C-alpha cells in the first residue's frame, strides 16, 4: 500500500531530479547559444519536457505499487 510518505518522497524526488536535469540542459544549452553554437537549441528547447517526463516516470513507478482494484 502506498503511504503519504511515499507520495511526499515522490514529489520531492521528482522536483529535485527534474530541476537538476532541466536546469543543467538549460544552462549548457544557453551557454552554447550565447557563443553562437546553434546546436545548443537542441538542449534548451526540450529541457522542461524532459524534466516533466522524469516526474511522470517516477509517478508511474509508484502507481505500479498500488494494489489492483477488484
N, C-alpha and C. Protein backbone atom coordinates (compact mmCIF):
# COMPACT_ATOMS: atom_id res chain seq x y z
N UNK A 1 0.84 -1.19 0.00
CA UNK A 1 0.00 0.00 0.00
C UNK A 1 0.88 1.24 0.00
N UNK A 2 0.48 2.21 -0.77
CA UNK A 2 1.23 3.47 -0.86
C UNK A 2 0.82 4.36 0.30
N UNK A 3 1.79 4.91 0.98
CA UNK A 3 1.53 5.76 2.12
C UNK A 3 1.73 7.23 1.74
N UNK A 4 1.37 8.09 2.67
CA UNK A 4 1.58 9.53 2.44
C UNK A 4 3.05 9.84 2.33
N UNK A 5 3.89 9.11 3.03
CA UNK A 5 5.33 9.33 2.96
C UNK A 5 5.86 9.01 1.56
N UNK A 6 5.33 7.95 0.94
CA UNK A 6 5.74 7.61 -0.42
C UNK A 6 5.39 8.72 -1.40
N UNK A 7 4.21 9.30 -1.23
CA UNK A 7 3.78 10.38 -2.13
C UNK A 7 4.64 11.62 -1.90
N UNK A 8 4.98 11.90 -0.66
CA UNK A 8 5.84 13.04 -0.35
C UNK A 8 7.22 12.85 -0.96
N UNK A 9 7.78 11.66 -0.81
CA UNK A 9 9.10 11.37 -1.38
C UNK A 9 9.05 11.46 -2.90
N UNK A 10 7.95 10.98 -3.50
CA UNK A 10 7.80 11.09 -4.95
C UNK A 10 7.84 12.55 -5.39
N UNK A 11 7.10 13.41 -4.71
CA UNK A 11 7.09 14.82 -5.07
C UNK A 11 8.45 15.47 -4.91
N UNK A 12 9.12 15.17 -3.82
CA UNK A 12 10.44 15.75 -3.60
C UNK A 12 11.45 15.24 -4.62
N UNK A 13 11.42 13.95 -4.88
CA UNK A 13 12.35 13.37 -5.84
C UNK A 13 12.11 13.91 -7.24
N UNK A 14 10.85 13.96 -7.64
CA UNK A 14 10.53 14.48 -8.98
C UNK A 14 10.95 15.94 -9.11
N UNK A 15 10.73 16.72 -8.07
CA UNK A 15 11.11 18.12 -8.13
C UNK A 15 12.61 18.32 -8.20
N UNK A 16 13.34 17.59 -7.39
CA UNK A 16 14.80 17.73 -7.36
C UNK A 16 15.42 17.21 -8.65
N UNK A 17 15.06 16.01 -9.06
CA UNK A 17 15.65 15.43 -10.26
C UNK A 17 15.25 16.25 -11.49
N UNK A 18 13.98 16.66 -11.56
CA UNK A 18 13.53 17.45 -12.70
C UNK A 18 14.24 18.79 -12.80
N UNK A 19 14.40 19.46 -11.68
CA UNK A 19 15.06 20.76 -11.73
C UNK A 19 16.55 20.63 -12.02
N UNK A 20 17.18 19.57 -11.52
CA UNK A 20 18.60 19.37 -11.82
C UNK A 20 18.83 19.06 -13.29
N UNK A 21 18.07 18.13 -13.83
CA UNK A 21 18.25 17.74 -15.23
C UNK A 21 17.83 18.88 -16.16
N UNK A 22 16.65 19.45 -15.92
CA UNK A 22 16.17 20.55 -16.75
C UNK A 22 17.08 21.77 -16.66
N UNK A 23 17.52 22.09 -15.46
CA UNK A 23 18.41 23.23 -15.28
C UNK A 23 19.76 23.03 -15.92
N UNK A 24 20.27 21.81 -15.84
CA UNK A 24 21.55 21.51 -16.47
C UNK A 24 21.44 21.62 -17.99
N UNK A 25 20.37 21.08 -18.55
CA UNK A 25 20.17 21.18 -20.00
C UNK A 25 20.00 22.63 -20.43
N UNK A 26 19.23 23.38 -19.64
CA UNK A 26 19.00 24.79 -19.97
C UNK A 26 20.29 25.58 -19.87
N UNK A 27 21.06 25.37 -18.81
CA UNK A 27 22.30 26.12 -18.62
C UNK A 27 23.33 25.84 -19.70
N UNK A 28 23.55 24.58 -19.99
CA UNK A 28 24.53 24.23 -21.02
C UNK A 28 24.05 24.70 -22.40
N UNK A 29 22.77 24.51 -22.68
CA UNK A 29 22.23 24.93 -23.97
C UNK A 29 22.32 26.43 -24.17
N UNK A 30 21.94 27.20 -23.16
CA UNK A 30 22.03 28.66 -23.29
C UNK A 30 23.47 29.13 -23.39
N UNK A 31 24.37 28.44 -22.69
CA UNK A 31 25.80 28.78 -22.81
C UNK A 31 26.29 28.58 -24.23
N UNK A 32 25.84 27.52 -24.86
CA UNK A 32 26.23 27.28 -26.25
C UNK A 32 25.60 28.28 -27.20
N UNK A 33 24.32 28.61 -26.97
CA UNK A 33 23.63 29.56 -27.86
C UNK A 33 24.27 30.94 -27.77
N UNK A 34 24.64 31.35 -26.58
CA UNK A 34 25.28 32.67 -26.41
C UNK A 34 26.60 32.73 -27.17
N UNK A 35 27.27 31.60 -27.29
CA UNK A 35 28.54 31.57 -28.01
C UNK A 35 28.37 31.25 -29.50
N UNK A 36 27.15 31.42 -30.00
CA UNK A 36 26.82 31.19 -31.42
C UNK A 36 27.01 29.75 -31.86
N UNK A 37 26.82 28.81 -30.95
CA UNK A 37 26.79 27.39 -31.31
C UNK A 37 25.32 27.02 -31.28
N UNK A 38 24.68 27.03 -32.44
CA UNK A 38 23.24 26.89 -32.51
C UNK A 38 22.74 25.50 -32.18
N UNK A 39 23.63 24.52 -32.09
CA UNK A 39 23.22 23.19 -31.68
C UNK A 39 22.75 23.21 -30.21
N UNK A 40 23.07 24.26 -29.49
CA UNK A 40 22.62 24.42 -28.10
C UNK A 40 21.11 24.48 -27.98
N UNK A 41 20.42 24.87 -29.05
CA UNK A 41 18.96 24.90 -29.01
C UNK A 41 18.38 23.51 -28.83
N UNK A 42 19.13 22.49 -29.26
CA UNK A 42 18.67 21.11 -29.06
C UNK A 42 18.67 20.72 -27.58
N UNK A 43 19.38 21.45 -26.76
CA UNK A 43 19.34 21.23 -25.31
C UNK A 43 18.34 22.15 -24.63
N UNK A 44 18.21 23.37 -25.13
CA UNK A 44 17.34 24.35 -24.48
C UNK A 44 15.86 24.01 -24.66
N UNK A 45 15.46 23.69 -25.87
CA UNK A 45 14.04 23.50 -26.16
C UNK A 45 13.40 22.33 -25.42
N UNK A 46 14.04 21.16 -25.32
CA UNK A 46 13.37 20.06 -24.61
C UNK A 46 13.66 20.01 -23.11
N UNK A 47 14.26 21.03 -22.53
CA UNK A 47 14.66 20.97 -21.12
C UNK A 47 13.46 20.78 -20.19
N UNK A 48 12.41 21.56 -20.37
CA UNK A 48 11.24 21.45 -19.49
C UNK A 48 10.47 20.13 -19.71
N UNK A 49 10.21 19.72 -20.95
CA UNK A 49 9.51 18.43 -21.11
C UNK A 49 10.29 17.24 -20.56
N UNK A 50 11.61 17.25 -20.69
CA UNK A 50 12.41 16.15 -20.15
C UNK A 50 12.30 16.12 -18.63
N UNK A 51 12.32 17.29 -18.01
CA UNK A 51 12.18 17.36 -16.56
C UNK A 51 10.81 16.83 -16.14
N UNK A 52 9.77 17.16 -16.87
CA UNK A 52 8.44 16.67 -16.56
C UNK A 52 8.29 15.18 -16.77
N UNK A 53 8.94 14.65 -17.80
CA UNK A 53 8.87 13.22 -18.08
C UNK A 53 9.54 12.39 -16.98
N UNK A 54 10.57 12.94 -16.35
CA UNK A 54 11.19 12.23 -15.24
C UNK A 54 10.22 12.11 -14.07
N UNK A 55 9.50 13.18 -13.77
CA UNK A 55 8.50 13.11 -12.72
C UNK A 55 7.38 12.15 -13.06
N UNK A 56 6.99 12.11 -14.33
CA UNK A 56 5.94 11.20 -14.78
C UNK A 56 6.40 9.75 -14.62
N UNK A 57 7.65 9.48 -14.97
CA UNK A 57 8.18 8.13 -14.83
C UNK A 57 8.21 7.68 -13.38
N UNK A 58 8.57 8.59 -12.49
CA UNK A 58 8.57 8.26 -11.07
C UNK A 58 7.15 8.00 -10.56
N UNK A 59 6.19 8.77 -11.05
CA UNK A 59 4.80 8.57 -10.63
C UNK A 59 4.26 7.23 -11.15
N UNK A 60 4.63 6.85 -12.35
CA UNK A 60 4.20 5.55 -12.88
C UNK A 60 4.77 4.41 -12.06
N UNK A 61 6.02 4.58 -11.64
CA UNK A 61 6.66 3.57 -10.81
C UNK A 61 5.92 3.40 -9.48
N UNK A 62 5.50 4.51 -8.89
CA UNK A 62 4.75 4.47 -7.65
C UNK A 62 3.36 3.89 -7.88
N UNK A 63 2.74 4.22 -9.00
CA UNK A 63 1.39 3.72 -9.28
C UNK A 63 1.39 2.20 -9.50
N UNK A 64 2.49 1.66 -9.98
CA UNK A 64 2.57 0.22 -10.16
C UNK A 64 2.58 -0.53 -8.83
N UNK A 65 2.92 0.16 -7.75
CA UNK A 65 2.93 -0.47 -6.44
C UNK A 65 1.54 -0.54 -5.81
N UNK A 66 0.59 0.17 -6.40
CA UNK A 66 -0.79 0.14 -5.86
C UNK A 66 -1.42 -1.22 -6.10
N UNK A 67 -2.24 -1.68 -5.16
CA UNK A 67 -2.92 -2.94 -5.42
C UNK A 67 -4.01 -2.76 -6.48
N UNK A 68 -4.29 -3.83 -7.20
CA UNK A 68 -5.33 -3.79 -8.24
C UNK A 68 -6.71 -3.62 -7.62
N UNK A 69 -7.51 -2.68 -8.12
CA UNK A 69 -8.87 -2.52 -7.58
C UNK A 69 -9.78 -3.66 -8.07
N UNK A 70 -10.30 -4.41 -7.14
CA UNK A 70 -11.16 -5.53 -7.52
C UNK A 70 -12.39 -5.55 -6.68
